[in-house]
Amino acid sequence: MHSLRLPVFNRILTAARWAPICLALAAAPSNAQTYTITDLGTLGGSFSMALGINARGQVVGNSFIVGDRALHAFLYSDGRMQDVGTLGGTTSTAETIDDLGQVFGATYTAGNASFRSFVYAGGRIIDLGPLAGASNRAQTVNSAGEVAGTGYIGGSTSLHAYLYREGSMQDLGTLGGPSSYAYGLNDAGQVVGSSNVPGDDGAHAFVYQESTMQDLNNLSKAADAGWVLSSARGINAYGQIVGFGTHKGETAAFLLTPTASAKTEVPTTDATAPLGIAAR
């Protein structure tokens, strides 16, 4: 067996000695992102938490007021935390903020009689109005300031999805069952969520478009592929919808992509995948 020449051996030994140092340098790059911390303060109480931020750097969240007497929604803008207030009740909570600076959340009315959705804009808190019942709650908002959420109807026993646009709240109805829930909204005003169906305690995923709530199981021919689409949770600008359901008896995530006949150009994530349902 031939022995290694000394210069070659020395190069190998030197490389072995330097290898751990090189690996350490690779694991901690010198150009790693760093951050500064800004304490947003409180509304006078001992607790605050930030929950959302928009493109303008405005922040929303919740904070105890002086004496920790109640929790109020806040808007942090231009270096100052502002109390959003309530609709006469003790508590309010912020949920999201759009790029126009409008804050969306929920608050109690006078006497804590009901818990209502609100929009805070121009220094004023505005009641989004009831859905023929006692309470409602915002879930998501788009860049146009439209809001999708869920509200109680019929004596506060039945929840329905709603869409708030142009100053009025629209009941989106159901797929024939007693209740529906809105979870996602895009800039085209399409709403997705889940709804009970007739004679079934389970739920089907829906999309609300063109003034109609439609069962996504029918639109995607889900049953033919062994699927039951239970709940749609998000929709993007291309109309792609994500959520979860059951596939051949197992809970699974799904992605729905508009077919080639749809007008919107949809980005392709997998050139080999057919249009329709993509799982896990």
Protein backbone atom coordinates (compact mmCIF):
# COMPACT_ATOMS: atom_id res chain seq x y z
CA MET A 1 0.00 0.00 0.00
CA HIS A 2 1.36 3.39 -0.96
CA SER A 3 1.78 5.92 1.87
CA LEU A 4 0.59 9.49 1.51
CA ARG A 5 3.22 11.97 0.58
CA LEU A 6 3.96 14.41 3.40
CA PRO A 7 2.68 17.60 1.65
CA VAL A 8 -0.60 15.88 0.81
CA PHE A 9 -0.98 14.60 4.37
CA ASN A 10 -0.31 18.06 5.78
CA ARG A 11 -3.00 19.59 3.55
CA ILE A 12 -5.56 16.99 4.69
CA LEU A 13 -4.65 17.56 8.36
CA THR A 14 -4.92 21.34 7.96
CA ALA A 15 -8.32 21.01 6.27
CA ALA A 16 -9.57 18.75 9.09
CA ARG A 17 -8.46 21.27 11.71
CA TRP A 18 -10.22 24.17 9.94
CA ALA A 19 -13.43 22.31 9.07
CA PRO A 20 -15.25 22.90 12.42
CA ILE A 21 -14.45 26.62 12.25
CA CYS A 22 -15.72 26.88 8.67
CA LEU A 23 -18.93 25.06 9.61
CA ALA A 24 -19.48 27.40 12.56
CA LEU A 25 -19.03 30.45 10.33
CA ALA A 26 -21.50 29.01 7.81
CA ALA A 27 -24.07 28.42 10.57
CA ALA A 28 -23.93 32.06 11.71
CA PRO A 29 -23.66 34.31 8.63
CA SER A 30 -22.40 37.80 9.28
CA ASN A 31 -25.26 39.34 7.29
CA ALA A 32 -28.06 37.79 9.41
CA GLN A 33 -31.10 40.05 9.92
CA THR A 34 -31.06 41.95 13.21
CA TYR A 35 -33.87 43.88 14.93
CA THR A 36 -34.47 46.76 17.30
CA ILE A 37 -37.16 46.60 19.99
CA THR A 38 -39.77 49.30 20.55
CA ASP A 39 -41.79 49.23 23.76
CA LEU A 40 -45.29 50.29 22.74
CA GLY A 41 -46.35 50.94 26.32
CA THR A 42 -49.87 50.47 27.68
CA LEU A 43 -53.11 52.39 28.12
CA GLY A 44 -52.17 52.93 31.75
CA GLY A 45 -52.52 49.37 32.97
CA SER A 46 -50.04 46.57 33.60
CA PHE A 47 -50.53 44.62 30.37
CA SER A 48 -50.56 45.09 26.60
CA MET A 49 -50.23 42.85 23.56
CA ALA A 50 -49.84 43.66 19.85
CA LEU A 51 -51.89 41.61 17.40
CA GLY A 52 -51.54 43.18 13.95
CA ILE A 53 -49.60 45.65 11.81
CA ASN A 54 -50.32 47.24 8.43
CA ALA A 55 -48.09 48.45 5.59
CA ARG A 56 -47.89 51.92 7.18
CA GLY A 57 -46.44 50.49 10.41
CA GLN A 58 -49.60 51.14 12.44
CA VAL A 59 -50.13 48.54 15.15
CA VAL A 60 -53.28 47.26 16.85
CA GLY A 61 -53.72 45.22 19.98
CA ASN A 62 -55.22 45.19 23.44
CA SER A 63 -54.21 46.73 26.75
CA PHE A 64 -55.48 47.11 30.28
CA ILE A 65 -56.55 50.66 31.11
CA VAL A 66 -55.62 52.51 34.33
CA GLY A 67 -56.11 50.32 37.40
CA ASP A 68 -56.44 47.21 35.21
CA ARG A 69 -60.20 47.78 35.35
CA ALA A 70 -60.86 46.60 31.79
CA LEU A 71 -59.27 45.56 28.52
CA HIS A 72 -59.46 48.04 25.62
CA ALA A 73 -58.38 47.86 21.99
CA PHE A 74 -55.59 50.23 21.00
CA LEU A 75 -54.14 51.79 17.86
CA TYR A 76 -50.43 52.63 17.95
CA SER A 77 -49.57 55.27 15.35
CA ASP A 78 -46.92 58.00 15.06
CA GLY A 79 -45.29 56.85 18.29
CA ARG A 80 -48.44 57.08 20.39
CA MET A 81 -50.89 54.47 21.73
CA GLN A 82 -54.52 55.52 21.37
CA ASP A 83 -57.48 54.01 23.21
CA VAL A 84 -60.05 52.84 20.66
CA GLY A 85 -62.74 52.88 23.34
CA THR A 86 -65.98 50.91 23.39
CA LEU A 87 -69.61 51.17 22.30
CA GLY A 88 -70.63 51.94 25.88
CA GLY A 89 -69.59 48.67 27.50
CA THR A 90 -66.55 47.83 29.59
CA THR A 91 -64.38 45.97 27.08
CA SER A 92 -63.17 46.12 23.49
CA THR A 93 -60.71 43.95 21.57
CA ALA A 94 -58.85 44.66 18.33
CA GLU A 95 -58.49 41.92 15.76
CA THR A 96 -56.93 43.42 12.62
CA ILE A 97 -56.05 46.64 10.80
CA ASP A 98 -56.14 47.39 7.08
CA ASP A 99 -53.74 49.54 5.06
CA LEU A 100 -56.15 52.48 5.29
CA GLY A 101 -55.62 52.52 9.07
CA GLN A 102 -59.08 51.19 9.88
CA VAL A 103 -59.18 49.01 13.00
CA PHE A 104 -61.60 46.10 13.22
CA GLY A 105 -62.59 44.29 16.37
CA ALA A 106 -65.38 43.61 18.83
CA THR A 107 -66.79 45.46 21.83
CA TYR A 108 -69.57 45.37 24.36
CA THR A 109 -72.46 47.81 24.06
CA ALA A 110 -73.92 49.76 26.99
CA GLY A 111 -74.57 47.59 30.00
CA ASN A 112 -72.55 44.82 28.31
CA ALA A 113 -75.83 43.85 26.65
CA SER A 114 -74.22 42.51 23.46
CA PHE A 115 -70.81 41.94 21.91
CA ARG A 116 -70.67 43.67 18.51
CA SER A 117 -68.20 44.09 15.65
CA PHE A 118 -66.80 47.58 15.15
CA VAL A 119 -64.61 49.60 12.82
CA TYR A 120 -62.49 52.41 14.23
CA ALA A 121 -61.72 55.12 11.66
CA GLY A 122 -61.04 58.82 11.82
CA GLY A 123 -60.86 58.75 15.61
CA ARG A 124 -64.38 57.32 15.89
CA ILE A 125 -65.63 53.83 16.80
CA ILE A 126 -68.51 52.71 14.58
CA ASP A 127 -70.98 49.93 15.29
CA LEU A 128 -71.12 47.62 12.27
CA GLY A 129 -74.69 46.77 13.20
CA PRO A 130 -76.52 43.62 14.21
CA LEU A 131 -77.52 40.70 12.03
CA ALA A 132 -81.10 40.61 13.31
CA GLY A 133 -79.71 39.37 16.59
CA ALA A 134 -77.60 40.21 19.61
CA SER A 135 -73.95 39.75 18.67
CA ASN A 136 -71.53 39.53 15.78
CA ARG A 137 -67.78 39.32 15.33
CA ALA A 138 -65.37 40.37 12.56
CA GLN A 139 -63.04 37.67 11.26
CA THR A 140 -61.08 39.10 8.32
CA VAL A 141 -60.73 42.30 6.30
CA ASN A 142 -59.48 43.12 2.79
CA SER A 143 -57.65 46.14 1.39
CA ALA A 144 -60.94 47.82 0.43
CA GLY A 145 -62.07 47.82 4.06
CA GLU A 146 -64.68 45.11 3.52
CA VAL A 147 -65.15 42.80 6.48
CA ALA A 148 -66.21 39.16 6.67
CA GLY A 149 -67.28 37.60 9.94
CA THR A 150 -69.90 35.62 11.78
CA GLY A 151 -72.95 36.85 13.66
CA TYR A 152 -75.84 35.52 15.71
CA ILE A 153 -79.29 35.53 14.16
CA GLY A 154 -82.73 34.43 15.26
CA GLY A 155 -82.65 35.16 18.97
CA SER A 156 -78.89 34.58 19.29
CA THR A 157 -79.18 30.85 18.59
CA SER A 158 -78.03 30.66 14.95
CA LEU A 159 -74.72 31.91 13.59
CA HIS A 160 -74.48 33.18 10.01
CA ALA A 161 -71.56 34.39 7.93
CA TYR A 162 -71.77 38.05 6.90
CA LEU A 163 -70.02 40.53 4.61
CA TYR A 164 -69.79 44.19 5.60
CA ARG A 165 -69.29 46.55 2.67
CA GLU A 166 -70.20 50.14 1.84
CA GLY A 167 -71.64 50.78 5.28
CA SER A 168 -74.03 47.83 5.46
CA MET A 169 -73.89 44.26 6.68
CA GLN A 170 -75.07 41.46 4.40
CA ASP A 171 -76.23 38.08 5.72
CA LEU A 172 -74.61 35.46 3.48
CA GLY A 173 -77.04 32.73 4.51
CA THR A 174 -76.16 29.02 4.70
CA LEU A 175 -75.94 25.93 2.52
CA GLY A 176 -79.33 24.87 3.87
CA GLY A 177 -78.37 24.08 7.45
CA PRO A 178 -78.79 26.31 10.50
CA SER A 179 -75.36 27.95 10.67
CA SER A 180 -72.45 29.26 8.62
CA TYR A 181 -69.04 30.74 9.48
CA ALA A 182 -66.82 33.11 7.45
CA TYR A 183 -63.04 32.71 7.70
CA GLY A 184 -61.44 34.21 4.60
CA LEU A 185 -61.91 37.20 2.28
CA ASN A 186 -59.95 38.45 -0.73
CA ASP A 187 -59.83 41.83 -2.46
CA ALA A 188 -62.42 40.70 -5.02
CA GLY A 189 -64.95 40.35 -2.19
CA GLN A 190 -65.07 36.55 -2.34
CA VAL A 191 -65.76 35.03 1.08
CA VAL A 192 -64.92 31.46 2.15
CA GLY A 193 -65.89 29.49 5.23
CA SER A 194 -68.01 26.55 6.33
CA SER A 195 -71.73 25.89 6.63
CA ASN A 196 -74.06 23.20 7.85
CA VAL A 197 -75.95 21.36 5.13
CA PRO A 198 -79.50 19.95 5.30
CA GLY A 199 -79.93 16.80 7.36
CA ASP A 200 -76.28 16.62 8.35
CA ASP A 201 -74.56 17.66 11.57
CA GLY A 202 -71.31 18.09 9.64
CA ALA A 203 -70.19 21.10 7.63
CA HIS A 204 -69.23 21.79 4.02
CA ALA A 205 -66.75 24.37 2.78
CA PHE A 206 -68.26 27.26 0.83
CA VAL A 207 -67.31 30.19 -1.35
CA TYR A 208 -69.59 33.22 -1.55
CA GLN A 209 -69.34 34.92 -4.93
CA GLU A 210 -71.70 36.56 -7.39
CA SER A 211 -74.19 37.08 -4.52
CA THR A 212 -74.51 33.34 -3.90
CA MET A 213 -73.12 30.91 -1.32
CA GLN A 214 -71.84 27.85 -3.21
CA ASP A 215 -70.78 24.43 -1.90
CA LEU A 216 -67.13 23.84 -2.80
CA ASN A 217 -67.73 20.09 -2.79
CA ASN A 218 -69.98 20.55 -5.81
CA LEU A 219 -67.72 23.03 -7.59
CA SER A 220 -64.68 20.74 -7.28
CA LYS A 221 -66.45 17.36 -7.68
CA ALA A 222 -64.79 16.43 -4.40
CA ALA A 223 -66.75 13.22 -3.87
CA ASP A 224 -65.39 11.77 -7.12
CA ALA A 225 -61.87 12.08 -5.64
CA GLY A 226 -62.85 10.65 -2.24
CA TRP A 227 -63.03 14.03 -0.50
CA VAL A 228 -65.42 15.84 1.79
CA LEU A 229 -64.35 19.49 2.01
CA SER A 230 -65.38 20.63 5.49
CA SER A 231 -64.00 24.13 5.96
CA ALA A 232 -62.39 26.76 3.73
CA ARG A 233 -60.04 29.03 5.69
CA GLY A 234 -58.38 31.34 3.19
CA ILE A 235 -58.63 32.66 -0.37
CA ASN A 236 -56.03 34.65 -2.28
CA ALA A 237 -56.18 37.15 -5.14
CA TYR A 238 -56.09 34.33 -7.71
CA GLY A 239 -59.12 32.63 -6.18
CA GLN A 240 -57.09 29.74 -4.79
CA ILE A 241 -58.73 28.38 -1.63
CA VAL A 242 -57.17 26.47 1.26
CA GLY A 243 -58.80 24.57 4.09
CA PHE A 244 -59.30 21.09 5.46
CA GLY A 245 -61.63 18.12 5.14
CA THR A 246 -61.54 14.35 5.03
CA HIS A 247 -59.90 12.34 2.28
CA LYS A 248 -60.67 8.63 2.26
CA GLY A 249 -61.55 8.84 5.96
CA GLU A 250 -58.54 10.87 7.14
CA THR A 251 -58.36 14.57 8.01
CA ALA A 252 -56.29 16.38 5.39
CA ALA A 253 -55.44 19.87 4.15
CA PHE A 254 -56.53 20.90 0.68
CA LEU A 255 -55.76 23.51 -1.95
CA LEU A 256 -58.39 24.37 -4.56
CA THR A 257 -57.18 26.02 -7.75
CA PRO A 258 -59.56 27.55 -10.32
CA THR A 259 -59.76 25.52 -13.51
CA ALA A 260 -58.27 26.64 -16.82
CA SER A 261 -61.59 28.18 -17.81
CA ALA A 262 -61.31 30.76 -15.02
CA LYS A 263 -60.39 34.25 -16.17
CA THR A 264 -57.74 34.87 -13.48
CA GLU A 265 -54.21 33.71 -14.28
CA VAL A 266 -53.18 31.36 -11.49
CA PRO A 267 -49.49 30.78 -10.59
CA THR A 268 -48.38 27.16 -10.99
CA THR A 269 -46.69 25.56 -7.98
CA ASP A 270 -46.45 22.05 -9.43
CA ALA A 271 -46.34 21.59 -13.18
CA THR A 272 -47.40 17.95 -12.86
CA ALA A 273 -50.43 18.54 -10.63
CA PRO A 274 -53.85 18.70 -12.31
CA LEU A 275 -56.11 21.66 -11.65
CA GLY A 276 -58.62 21.10 -8.86
CA ILE A 277 -57.85 19.61 -5.45
CA ALA A 278 -54.30 19.19 -4.24
CA ALA A 279 -53.79 17.47 -0.89
CA ARG A 280 -50.98 17.45 1.60
